[in-house]
Amino acid sequence: MQSVVPTNIPFTSDILSKCIQKLESRCRYMNVSVIGHSLQRRPIYSLSLGVGPISYLYNAAHHANEWITSVLLTRFAEDCVRQINQDAHVCNADTKRLTPKAKYPWYERITLHMVLMVNPDGVDMVTKGVVSDIWKANARGVDLNSNYPAGWEQARTHKYSRGYTSFGPRDFVGPFPLSEPESQAMVTYTKQIDPVVTLSLHTQGEEIYWRYADYMPHGARELAVCLSNASGYLLEEVPSESSHGGYRDWFIQEYNRPGFTIECGLGKNPLPISEFDNIYLKIAPLLMEALRYTVVSF
C-alpha cells in the first residue's frame, strides 16, 4: 500500500482529513466519526480500528505547537491498516498473532480509537504561520490540557502564580473546567467508548507520565514499565507546573484506569518534522506494546 501520510511537511487539519479519507477507503475494519467541532468549527475526527468489545483511546495534538504528535499517530494508524490488510509486521512485531494467548487477531478482540488532532484550530494557526511557535492553546487562547475537571482549581492557582491569568498562547486554564468545545468533545467521547486505557501524545522529553495524585490504577505500573522497555523512554513524575487539569489526570480520576502521557522526542517545541523518523522509531513500538498488553491483560 502506498503511503498516504506525509511525514516531511507541516501537518494541517486539511491534510489530516485527506489522509483519513484515503485510509478509510482501504480498510473494512475502520470507522471514522466526528466527535465534535473546534471553536472555529473544524471537525475533530476519531478513527477507530477493530471490532472488539474492549476499547482504548489514543489521542494527539492537545497542544498546537506539538502538532508532530498528530503525524506520529496518523502514521501509526496507517501502519495498522497495512498490517490488517497485508498481514504485515509493524515495528517488527506480528500484531495479528501477538501471543499464544491471543486466539484471535487484535482487531477482532479490541477497538482502537484514535483522536488524531484534538486541537485543529491551534495546529493550523501554528503550521500556517498565523501565530508564533510558542502557541500551545486553542483559537480562544485556552490550554486544552489544563481545561479538564481534575484538580482544575489547583492548576488555576499554579498557573495564575506564574502570570498566566488570561487568554493567551499558553498555560491559561480557561474560565472554568470544560469551557472549550475541544475538551468537551474529548470527555463526551471518552464516556461514550469507555476505554480501559488511554495514551496521550505530547512533546518533548522522551518521558512517560503514568500517575495522577494518589491514584494507582490496576495494571498501570506494569504497563508503564512495558511501555518504557519498548521505547527506552523514562518513567517520570509529572512536573509541578504541569500537574492537574490534564486529560490524563481526568481519565485516571474518573475511571481509576491506566492513563499515560507520552512526551515524544527531544528538543524544543515545536519539534521539526525532520525528526519524525527518529521519534517514530521509538514511539511506534510503544504504541504497539500498549495494544499487546491490553489484548493479553484486560
C-alpha atoms as a PDB file:
ATOM      1  CA  MET A   1       0.000   0.000   0.000  1.00  0.00           C
ATOM      2  CA  GLN A   2       1.441   3.361  -0.997  1.00  0.00           C
ATOM      3  CA  SER A   3       1.920   5.657   1.972  1.00  0.00           C
ATOM      4  CA  VAL A   4      -0.802   8.257   2.433  1.00  0.00           C
ATOM      5  CA  VAL A   5       0.613  10.173   5.425  1.00  0.00           C
ATOM      6  CA  PRO A   6       3.200  12.835   4.519  1.00  0.00           C
ATOM      7  CA  THR A   7       5.996  12.911   7.068  1.00  0.00           C
ATOM      8  CA  ASN A   8       8.130  15.681   5.585  1.00  0.00           C
ATOM      9  CA  ILE A   9       5.854  18.744   5.618  1.00  0.00           C
ATOM     10  CA  PRO A  10       3.960  20.718   8.289  1.00  0.00           C
ATOM     11  CA  PHE A  11       0.672  18.982   9.098  1.00  0.00           C
ATOM     12  CA  THR A  12      -2.701  20.736   8.931  1.00  0.00           C
ATOM     13  CA  SER A  13      -6.300  19.738   9.604  1.00  0.00           C
ATOM     14  CA  ASP A  14      -6.938  19.635   5.855  1.00  0.00           C
ATOM     15  CA  ILE A  15      -4.043  17.246   5.277  1.00  0.00           C
ATOM     16  CA  LEU A  16      -5.318  15.082   8.134  1.00  0.00           C
ATOM     17  CA  SER A  17      -8.801  14.976   6.593  1.00  0.00           C
ATOM     18  CA  LYS A  18      -7.394  13.797   3.263  1.00  0.00           C
ATOM     19  CA  CYS A  19      -5.297  11.125   4.975  1.00  0.00           C
ATOM     20  CA  ILE A  20      -8.332   9.831   6.850  1.00  0.00           C
ATOM     21  CA  GLN A  21     -10.392   9.634   3.651  1.00  0.00           C
ATOM     22  CA  LYS A  22      -7.694   7.598   1.921  1.00  0.00           C
ATOM     23  CA  LEU A  23      -7.228   5.260   4.862  1.00  0.00           C
ATOM     24  CA  GLU A  24     -10.969   4.740   5.287  1.00  0.00           C
ATOM     25  CA  SER A  25     -11.253   3.531   1.702  1.00  0.00           C
ATOM     26  CA  ARG A  26      -8.564   0.913   2.288  1.00  0.00           C
ATOM     27  CA  CYS A  27      -9.704  -0.890   5.435  1.00  0.00           C
ATOM     28  CA  ARG A  28     -13.008  -2.570   6.192  1.00  0.00           C
ATOM     29  CA  TYR A  29     -12.164  -2.639   9.894  1.00  0.00           C
ATOM     30  CA  MET A  30     -12.089   1.154  10.108  1.00  0.00           C
ATOM     31  CA  ASN A  31     -14.754   3.610  11.146  1.00  0.00           C
ATOM     32  CA  VAL A  32     -14.405   7.381  11.042  1.00  0.00           C
ATOM     33  CA  SER A  33     -16.515   9.683  13.168  1.00  0.00           C
ATOM     34  CA  VAL A  34     -16.615  13.352  14.066  1.00  0.00           C
ATOM     35  CA  ILE A  35     -16.700  13.587  17.850  1.00  0.00           C
ATOM     36  CA  GLY A  36     -17.188  17.347  17.933  1.00  0.00           C
ATOM     37  CA  HIS A  37     -16.056  20.601  16.415  1.00  0.00           C
ATOM     38  CA  SER A  38     -13.419  23.095  17.404  1.00  0.00           C
ATOM     39  CA  LEU A  39     -14.076  26.694  18.288  1.00  0.00           C
ATOM     40  CA  GLN A  40     -13.686  27.604  14.609  1.00  0.00           C
ATOM     41  CA  ARG A  41     -15.939  24.708  13.569  1.00  0.00           C
ATOM     42  CA  ARG A  42     -13.240  22.369  12.301  1.00  0.00           C
ATOM     43  CA  PRO A  43     -14.152  18.705  12.760  1.00  0.00           C
ATOM     44  CA  ILE A  44     -12.432  16.701  15.473  1.00  0.00           C
ATOM     45  CA  TYR A  45     -12.006  13.239  13.979  1.00  0.00           C
ATOM     46  CA  SER A  46     -11.835   9.864  15.635  1.00  0.00           C
ATOM     47  CA  LEU A  47     -10.522   6.966  13.619  1.00  0.00           C
ATOM     48  CA  SER A  48     -11.449   3.555  15.018  1.00  0.00           C
ATOM     49  CA  LEU A  49      -9.825   0.268  14.032  1.00  0.00           C
ATOM     50  CA  GLY A  50     -11.186  -3.120  15.030  1.00  0.00           C
ATOM     51  CA  VAL A  51     -14.490  -4.648  16.057  1.00  0.00           C
ATOM     52  CA  GLY A  52     -13.649  -5.977  19.510  1.00  0.00           C
ATOM     53  CA  PRO A  53     -15.607  -5.319  22.713  1.00  0.00           C
ATOM     54  CA  ILE A  54     -12.599  -3.808  24.555  1.00  0.00           C
ATOM     55  CA  SER A  55     -11.949  -0.163  23.752  1.00  0.00           C
ATOM     56  CA  TYR A  56      -8.988   2.035  24.328  1.00  0.00           C
ATOM     57  CA  LEU A  57      -8.083   5.506  23.203  1.00  0.00           C
ATOM     58  CA  TYR A  58      -5.018   7.240  21.787  1.00  0.00           C
ATOM     59  CA  ASN A  59      -5.030  10.997  21.258  1.00  0.00           C
ATOM     60  CA  ALA A  60      -2.646  13.599  19.878  1.00  0.00           C
ATOM     61  CA  ALA A  61      -2.147  17.342  19.454  1.00  0.00           C
ATOM     62  CA  HIS A  62      -3.856  18.767  22.509  1.00  0.00           C
ATOM     63  CA  HIS A  63      -1.189  21.447  22.131  1.00  0.00           C
ATOM     64  CA  ALA A  64      -0.859  23.389  18.909  1.00  0.00           C
ATOM     65  CA  ASN A  65       2.927  23.518  18.721  1.00  0.00           C
ATOM     66  CA  GLU A  66       3.092  19.767  19.397  1.00  0.00           C
ATOM     67  CA  TRP A  67       1.450  19.057  16.041  1.00  0.00           C
ATOM     68  CA  ILE A  68       4.066  16.447  15.137  1.00  0.00           C
ATOM     69  CA  THR A  69       2.221  14.084  17.505  1.00  0.00           C
ATOM     70  CA  SER A  70      -0.678  14.127  15.069  1.00  0.00           C
ATOM     71  CA  VAL A  71       1.639  12.981  12.283  1.00  0.00           C
ATOM     72  CA  LEU A  72       3.018  10.237  14.528  1.00  0.00           C
ATOM     73  CA  LEU A  73      -0.407   8.895  15.426  1.00  0.00           C
ATOM     74  CA  THR A  74      -1.788   9.112  11.891  1.00  0.00           C
ATOM     75  CA  ARG A  75       1.233   7.259  10.564  1.00  0.00           C
ATOM     76  CA  PHE A  76       0.697   4.602  13.233  1.00  0.00           C
ATOM     77  CA  ALA A  77      -2.922   4.279  12.089  1.00  0.00           C
ATOM     78  CA  GLU A  78      -1.680   3.768   8.543  1.00  0.00           C
ATOM     79  CA  ASP A  79       0.742   1.078   9.682  1.00  0.00           C
ATOM     80  CA  CYS A  80      -2.107  -0.687  11.491  1.00  0.00           C
ATOM     81  CA  VAL A  81      -4.214  -0.559   8.325  1.00  0.00           C
ATOM     82  CA  ARG A  82      -1.312  -2.015   6.371  1.00  0.00           C
ATOM     83  CA  GLN A  83      -0.925  -4.784   8.921  1.00  0.00           C
ATOM     84  CA  ILE A  84      -4.604  -5.659   8.844  1.00  0.00           C
ATOM     85  CA  ASN A  85      -4.775  -5.645   5.059  1.00  0.00           C
ATOM     86  CA  GLN A  86      -1.483  -7.358   4.291  1.00  0.00           C
ATOM     87  CA  ASP A  87      -0.655  -9.276   7.453  1.00  0.00           C
ATOM     88  CA  ALA A  88       2.394  -7.029   7.644  1.00  0.00           C
ATOM     89  CA  HIS A  89       4.665  -6.553  10.604  1.00  0.00           C
ATOM     90  CA  VAL A  90       4.571  -3.237  12.456  1.00  0.00           C
ATOM     91  CA  CYS A  91       7.791  -2.385  14.243  1.00  0.00           C
ATOM     92  CA  ASN A  92       8.969  -5.973  13.757  1.00  0.00           C
ATOM     93  CA  ALA A  93       6.056  -7.217  15.880  1.00  0.00           C
ATOM     94  CA  ASP A  94       3.484  -9.518  14.334  1.00  0.00           C
ATOM     95  CA  THR A  95       0.318  -7.974  15.735  1.00  0.00           C
ATOM     96  CA  LYS A  96      -2.004 -10.452  14.096  1.00  0.00           C
ATOM     97  CA  ARG A  97      -0.866 -13.182  16.485  1.00  0.00           C
ATOM     98  CA  LEU A  98       0.592 -11.331  19.416  1.00  0.00           C
ATOM     99  CA  THR A  99       0.968 -14.159  21.902  1.00  0.00           C
ATOM    100  CA  PRO A 100      -0.160 -17.774  22.272  1.00  0.00           C
ATOM    101  CA  LYS A 101      -2.972 -16.423  24.459  1.00  0.00           C
ATOM    102  CA  ALA A 102      -4.315 -14.232  21.648  1.00  0.00           C
ATOM    103  CA  LYS A 103      -6.632 -16.664  19.909  1.00  0.00           C
ATOM    104  CA  TYR A 104      -7.973 -14.020  17.542  1.00  0.00           C
ATOM    105  CA  PRO A 105      -6.328 -11.096  15.751  1.00  0.00           C
ATOM    106  CA  TRP A 106      -6.151  -7.981  17.917  1.00  0.00           C
ATOM    107  CA  TYR A 107      -8.645  -6.118  15.767  1.00  0.00           C
ATOM    108  CA  GLU A 108     -11.257  -8.782  16.499  1.00  0.00           C
ATOM    109  CA  ARG A 109     -10.636  -8.549  20.239  1.00  0.00           C
ATOM    110  CA  ILE A 110     -10.410  -4.793  20.710  1.00  0.00           C
ATOM    111  CA  THR A 111     -11.334  -1.500  19.116  1.00  0.00           C
ATOM    112  CA  LEU A 112      -8.588   1.111  18.975  1.00  0.00           C
ATOM    113  CA  HIS A 113      -9.935   4.669  18.923  1.00  0.00           C
ATOM    114  CA  MET A 114      -7.576   7.448  17.826  1.00  0.00           C
ATOM    115  CA  VAL A 115      -8.413  11.133  18.126  1.00  0.00           C
ATOM    116  CA  LEU A 116      -5.722  12.279  15.750  1.00  0.00           C
ATOM    117  CA  MET A 117      -5.857  16.054  16.303  1.00  0.00           C
ATOM    118  CA  VAL A 118      -7.644  17.334  19.397  1.00  0.00           C
ATOM    119  CA  ASN A 119      -6.770  20.971  18.665  1.00  0.00           C
ATOM    120  CA  PRO A 120      -7.172  21.510  14.889  1.00  0.00           C
ATOM    121  CA  ASP A 121      -7.523  25.303  15.141  1.00  0.00           C
ATOM    122  CA  GLY A 122      -4.327  25.674  17.096  1.00  0.00           C
ATOM    123  CA  VAL A 123      -2.401  23.278  14.862  1.00  0.00           C
ATOM    124  CA  ASP A 124      -3.427  25.191  11.743  1.00  0.00           C
ATOM    125  CA  MET A 125      -2.532  28.500  13.357  1.00  0.00           C
ATOM    126  CA  VAL A 126       0.988  27.250  14.086  1.00  0.00           C
ATOM    127  CA  THR A 127       1.712  25.278  10.913  1.00  0.00           C
ATOM    128  CA  LYS A 128       0.335  28.032   8.680  1.00  0.00           C
ATOM    129  CA  GLY A 129       2.369  30.700  10.463  1.00  0.00           C
ATOM    130  CA  VAL A 130      -0.593  32.658  11.842  1.00  0.00           C
ATOM    131  CA  VAL A 131       0.918  32.614  15.336  1.00  0.00           C
ATOM    132  CA  SER A 132       4.395  32.056  16.711  1.00  0.00           C
ATOM    133  CA  ASP A 133       5.892  28.693  17.545  1.00  0.00           C
ATOM    134  CA  ILE A 134       5.252  29.168  21.265  1.00  0.00           C
ATOM    135  CA  TRP A 135       1.486  28.809  20.738  1.00  0.00           C
ATOM    136  CA  LYS A 136       0.029  25.834  22.609  1.00  0.00           C
ATOM    137  CA  ALA A 137      -3.566  26.925  23.108  1.00  0.00           C
ATOM    138  CA  ASN A 138      -6.739  26.635  21.071  1.00  0.00           C
ATOM    139  CA  ALA A 139      -8.091  29.511  18.988  1.00  0.00           C
ATOM    140  CA  ARG A 140      -9.549  31.243  22.064  1.00  0.00           C
ATOM    141  CA  GLY A 141      -6.269  31.119  23.935  1.00  0.00           C
ATOM    142  CA  VAL A 142      -7.034  28.281  26.373  1.00  0.00           C
ATOM    143  CA  ASP A 143      -4.563  25.495  27.084  1.00  0.00           C
ATOM    144  CA  LEU A 144      -6.787  22.500  26.417  1.00  0.00           C
ATOM    145  CA  ASN A 145      -4.685  20.166  28.524  1.00  0.00           C
ATOM    146  CA  SER A 146      -5.304  22.366  31.560  1.00  0.00           C
ATOM    147  CA  ASN A 147      -9.072  22.594  30.996  1.00  0.00           C
ATOM    148  CA  TYR A 148     -10.229  19.248  32.399  1.00  0.00           C
ATOM    149  CA  PRO A 149     -12.039  18.874  35.744  1.00  0.00           C
ATOM    150  CA  ALA A 150      -9.327  17.059  37.696  1.00  0.00           C
ATOM    151  CA  GLY A 151      -7.627  19.404  40.108  1.00  0.00           C
ATOM    152  CA  TRP A 152      -8.566  22.315  37.846  1.00  0.00           C
ATOM    153  CA  GLU A 153      -8.620  24.748  40.763  1.00  0.00           C
ATOM    154  CA  GLN A 154      -5.089  23.731  41.768  1.00  0.00           C
ATOM    155  CA  ALA A 155      -3.967  24.142  38.175  1.00  0.00           C
ATOM    156  CA  ARG A 156      -5.525  27.606  38.071  1.00  0.00           C
ATOM    157  CA  THR A 157      -3.773  28.646  41.271  1.00  0.00           C
ATOM    158  CA  HIS A 158      -0.426  27.445  39.991  1.00  0.00           C
ATOM    159  CA  LYS A 159      -0.773  28.983  36.528  1.00  0.00           C
ATOM    160  CA  TYR A 160      -2.020  32.277  37.926  1.00  0.00           C
ATOM    161  CA  SER A 161       1.010  32.432  40.218  1.00  0.00           C
ATOM    162  CA  ARG A 162       3.181  32.239  37.109  1.00  0.00           C
ATOM    163  CA  GLY A 163       1.305  35.029  35.372  1.00  0.00           C
ATOM    164  CA  TYR A 164      -0.996  33.028  33.100  1.00  0.00           C
ATOM    165  CA  THR A 165      -4.226  34.717  34.139  1.00  0.00           C
ATOM    166  CA  SER A 166      -5.976  35.372  30.829  1.00  0.00           C
ATOM    167  CA  PHE A 167      -6.393  34.066  27.298  1.00  0.00           C
ATOM    168  CA  GLY A 168      -3.063  33.728  25.540  1.00  0.00           C
ATOM    169  CA  PRO A 169      -0.641  31.455  23.729  1.00  0.00           C
ATOM    170  CA  ARG A 170      -0.081  29.003  26.580  1.00  0.00           C
ATOM    171  CA  ASP A 171      -0.981  27.807  30.081  1.00  0.00           C
ATOM    172  CA  PHE A 172      -4.281  29.618  30.628  1.00  0.00           C
ATOM    173  CA  VAL A 173      -6.646  27.080  32.169  1.00  0.00           C
ATOM    174  CA  GLY A 174      -9.825  28.720  30.888  1.00  0.00           C
ATOM    175  CA  PRO A 175     -12.650  30.462  32.744  1.00  0.00           C
ATOM    176  CA  PHE A 176     -13.979  27.157  34.104  1.00  0.00           C
ATOM    177  CA  PRO A 177     -13.438  23.406  33.561  1.00  0.00           C
ATOM    178  CA  LEU A 178     -14.504  22.151  30.143  1.00  0.00           C
ATOM    179  CA  SER A 179     -15.105  25.670  28.907  1.00  0.00           C
ATOM    180  CA  GLU A 180     -13.826  24.699  25.455  1.00  0.00           C
ATOM    181  CA  PRO A 181     -15.592  22.625  22.784  1.00  0.00           C
ATOM    182  CA  GLU A 182     -12.474  20.528  22.208  1.00  0.00           C
ATOM    183  CA  SER A 183     -12.145  19.370  25.821  1.00  0.00           C
ATOM    184  CA  GLN A 184     -15.914  18.841  25.983  1.00  0.00           C
ATOM    185  CA  ALA A 185     -15.706  16.603  22.919  1.00  0.00           C
ATOM    186  CA  MET A 186     -12.941  14.510  24.460  1.00  0.00           C
ATOM    187  CA  VAL A 187     -14.845  13.960  27.688  1.00  0.00           C
ATOM    188  CA  THR A 188     -18.081  13.091  25.905  1.00  0.00           C
ATOM    189  CA  TYR A 189     -16.339  10.679  23.556  1.00  0.00           C
ATOM    190  CA  THR A 190     -14.403   9.015  26.365  1.00  0.00           C
ATOM    191  CA  LYS A 191     -17.607   8.394  28.269  1.00  0.00           C
ATOM    192  CA  GLN A 192     -19.200   7.014  25.118  1.00  0.00           C
ATOM    193  CA  ILE A 193     -16.499   4.450  24.291  1.00  0.00           C
ATOM    194  CA  ASP A 194     -15.485   3.632  27.908  1.00  0.00           C
ATOM    195  CA  PRO A 195     -11.802   2.822  27.227  1.00  0.00           C
ATOM    196  CA  VAL A 196      -9.725   0.639  29.516  1.00  0.00           C
ATOM    197  CA  VAL A 197      -6.502   2.502  28.687  1.00  0.00           C
ATOM    198  CA  THR A 198      -5.674   5.938  27.253  1.00  0.00           C
ATOM    199  CA  LEU A 199      -2.432   7.267  25.782  1.00  0.00           C
ATOM    200  CA  SER A 200      -1.957  10.984  25.153  1.00  0.00           C
ATOM    201  CA  LEU A 201       0.911  12.007  22.868  1.00  0.00           C
ATOM    202  CA  HIS A 202       2.750  15.221  23.692  1.00  0.00           C
ATOM    203  CA  THR A 203       6.274  16.561  23.143  1.00  0.00           C
ATOM    204  CA  GLN A 204       9.033  16.539  24.327  1.00  0.00           C
ATOM    205  CA  GLY A 205      11.410  14.792  26.757  1.00  0.00           C
ATOM    206  CA  GLU A 206      11.231  11.047  25.989  1.00  0.00           C
ATOM    207  CA  GLU A 207       9.319  10.514  29.228  1.00  0.00           C
ATOM    208  CA  ILE A 208       6.202   8.635  30.326  1.00  0.00           C
ATOM    209  CA  TYR A 209       3.880  10.058  32.975  1.00  0.00           C
ATOM    210  CA  TRP A 210       1.676   7.363  34.425  1.00  0.00           C
ATOM    211  CA  ARG A 211       0.402   8.577  37.815  1.00  0.00           C
ATOM    212  CA  TYR A 212      -2.016  11.233  38.956  1.00  0.00           C
ATOM    213  CA  ALA A 213      -2.188  12.315  42.604  1.00  0.00           C
ATOM    214  CA  ASP A 214      -2.606   9.230  44.802  1.00  0.00           C
ATOM    215  CA  TYR A 215      -4.418   7.126  42.226  1.00  0.00           C
ATOM    216  CA  MET A 216      -2.834   3.744  41.456  1.00  0.00           C
ATOM    217  CA  PRO A 217      -4.989   2.061  38.793  1.00  0.00           C
ATOM    218  CA  HIS A 218      -4.712  -1.681  38.484  1.00  0.00           C
ATOM    219  CA  GLY A 219      -2.057  -2.628  35.961  1.00  0.00           C
ATOM    220  CA  ALA A 220      -0.821   0.931  35.431  1.00  0.00           C
ATOM    221  CA  ARG A 221       2.652   0.442  36.811  1.00  0.00           C
ATOM    222  CA  GLU A 222       3.142  -2.836  34.976  1.00  0.00           C
ATOM    223  CA  LEU A 223       2.036  -1.368  31.666  1.00  0.00           C
ATOM    224  CA  ALA A 224       4.171   1.734  32.217  1.00  0.00           C
ATOM    225  CA  VAL A 225       7.231  -0.495  32.581  1.00  0.00           C
ATOM    226  CA  CYS A 226       6.305  -2.306  29.359  1.00  0.00           C
ATOM    227  CA  LEU A 227       5.974   0.998  27.516  1.00  0.00           C
ATOM    228  CA  SER A 228       9.310   2.160  28.887  1.00  0.00           C
ATOM    229  CA  ASN A 229      11.031  -1.041  27.826  1.00  0.00           C
ATOM    230  CA  ALA A 230       9.536  -0.850  24.352  1.00  0.00           C
ATOM    231  CA  SER A 231      10.627   2.738  23.721  1.00  0.00           C
ATOM    232  CA  GLY A 232      13.544   3.459  26.009  1.00  0.00           C
ATOM    233  CA  TYR A 233      11.542   6.367  27.478  1.00  0.00           C
ATOM    234  CA  LEU A 234      11.897   7.029  31.198  1.00  0.00           C
ATOM    235  CA  LEU A 235       9.112   6.775  33.759  1.00  0.00           C
ATOM    236  CA  GLU A 236       8.807  10.121  35.480  1.00  0.00           C
ATOM    237  CA  GLU A 237       6.563  12.058  37.839  1.00  0.00           C
ATOM    238  CA  VAL A 238       4.635  14.945  36.280  1.00  0.00           C
ATOM    239  CA  PRO A 239       6.413  18.286  36.827  1.00  0.00           C
ATOM    240  CA  SER A 240       4.593  20.523  39.305  1.00  0.00           C
ATOM    241  CA  GLU A 241       3.921  23.163  36.650  1.00  0.00           C
ATOM    242  CA  SER A 242       2.050  20.576  34.580  1.00  0.00           C
ATOM    243  CA  SER A 243       0.124  18.859  37.374  1.00  0.00           C
ATOM    244  CA  HIS A 244      -3.691  18.871  37.387  1.00  0.00           C
ATOM    245  CA  GLY A 245      -6.240  19.822  34.775  1.00  0.00           C
ATOM    246  CA  GLY A 246      -4.993  17.479  32.072  1.00  0.00           C
ATOM    247  CA  TYR A 247      -6.895  14.881  30.085  1.00  0.00           C
ATOM    248  CA  ARG A 248      -4.867  12.027  31.589  1.00  0.00           C
ATOM    249  CA  ASP A 249      -5.494  13.428  35.072  1.00  0.00           C
ATOM    250  CA  TRP A 250      -9.228  13.493  34.448  1.00  0.00           C
ATOM    251  CA  PHE A 251      -9.285   9.988  32.962  1.00  0.00           C
ATOM    252  CA  ILE A 252      -7.424   8.447  35.885  1.00  0.00           C
ATOM    253  CA  GLN A 253      -9.561  10.308  38.433  1.00  0.00           C
ATOM    254  CA  GLU A 254     -12.820   9.482  36.650  1.00  0.00           C
ATOM    255  CA  TYR A 255     -12.179   5.799  35.904  1.00  0.00           C
ATOM    256  CA  ASN A 256      -9.220   4.718  38.057  1.00  0.00           C
ATOM    257  CA  ARG A 257      -7.787   3.036  34.959  1.00  0.00           C
ATOM    258  CA  PRO A 258      -4.340   3.334  33.359  1.00  0.00           C
ATOM    259  CA  GLY A 259      -3.791   6.602  31.527  1.00  0.00           C
ATOM    260  CA  PHE A 260      -0.468   7.810  30.185  1.00  0.00           C
ATOM    261  CA  THR A 261       1.096  10.979  28.868  1.00  0.00           C
ATOM    262  CA  ILE A 262       3.877  10.199  26.413  1.00  0.00           C
ATOM    263  CA  GLU A 263       6.380  13.009  25.882  1.00  0.00           C
ATOM    264  CA  CYS A 264       7.697  12.199  22.409  1.00  0.00           C
ATOM    265  CA  GLY A 265      11.136  13.155  21.154  1.00  0.00           C
ATOM    266  CA  LEU A 266      13.808  15.503  22.397  1.00  0.00           C
ATOM    267  CA  GLY A 267      14.468  19.168  21.731  1.00  0.00           C
ATOM    268  CA  LYS A 268      12.480  22.383  21.768  1.00  0.00           C
ATOM    269  CA  ASN A 269       8.832  22.659  20.738  1.00  0.00           C
ATOM    270  CA  PRO A 270       7.766  22.605  18.051  1.00  0.00           C
ATOM    271  CA  LEU A 271       9.973  19.651  17.173  1.00  0.00           C
ATOM    272  CA  PRO A 272      10.947  19.821  13.485  1.00  0.00           C
ATOM    273  CA  ILE A 273       9.331  17.396  11.083  1.00  0.00           C
ATOM    274  CA  SER A 274      12.847  16.340  10.089  1.00  0.00           C
ATOM    275  CA  GLU A 275      12.940  14.480  13.422  1.00  0.00           C
ATOM    276  CA  PHE A 276       9.892  12.385  12.530  1.00  0.00           C
ATOM    277  CA  ASP A 277      11.726   9.173  11.645  1.00  0.00           C
ATOM    278  CA  ASN A 278      13.876   9.268  14.776  1.00  0.00           C
ATOM    279  CA  ILE A 279      10.852   9.822  17.009  1.00  0.00           C
ATOM    280  CA  TYR A 280       8.646   7.255  15.284  1.00  0.00           C
ATOM    281  CA  LEU A 281      11.335   4.593  15.644  1.00  0.00           C
ATOM    282  CA  LYS A 282      10.725   4.668  19.414  1.00  0.00           C
ATOM    283  CA  ILE A 283       7.078   5.668  19.539  1.00  0.00           C
ATOM    284  CA  ALA A 284       5.654   3.017  17.217  1.00  0.00           C
ATOM    285  CA  PRO A 285       6.880   0.103  19.376  1.00  0.00           C
ATOM    286  CA  LEU A 286       5.454   1.852  22.448  1.00  0.00           C
ATOM    287  CA  LEU A 287       2.043   2.270  20.823  1.00  0.00           C
ATOM    288  CA  MET A 288       2.081  -1.353  19.711  1.00  0.00           C
ATOM    289  CA  GLU A 289       3.167  -2.571  23.136  1.00  0.00           C
ATOM    290  CA  ALA A 290       0.155  -0.906  24.706  1.00  0.00           C
ATOM    291  CA  LEU A 291      -2.010  -2.762  22.231  1.00  0.00           C
ATOM    292  CA  ARG A 292      -0.326  -6.070  23.003  1.00  0.00           C
ATOM    293  CA  TYR A 293      -0.618  -5.561  26.748  1.00  0.00           C
ATOM    294  CA  THR A 294      -4.275  -4.604  26.520  1.00  0.00           C
ATOM    295  CA  VAL A 295      -5.100  -7.635  24.397  1.00  0.00           C
ATOM    296  CA  VAL A 296      -3.414 -10.012  26.811  1.00  0.00           C
ATOM    297  CA  SER A 297      -4.181  -8.450  30.173  1.00  0.00           C
ATOM    298  CA  PHE A 298      -7.636  -6.844  30.197  1.00  0.00           C
END
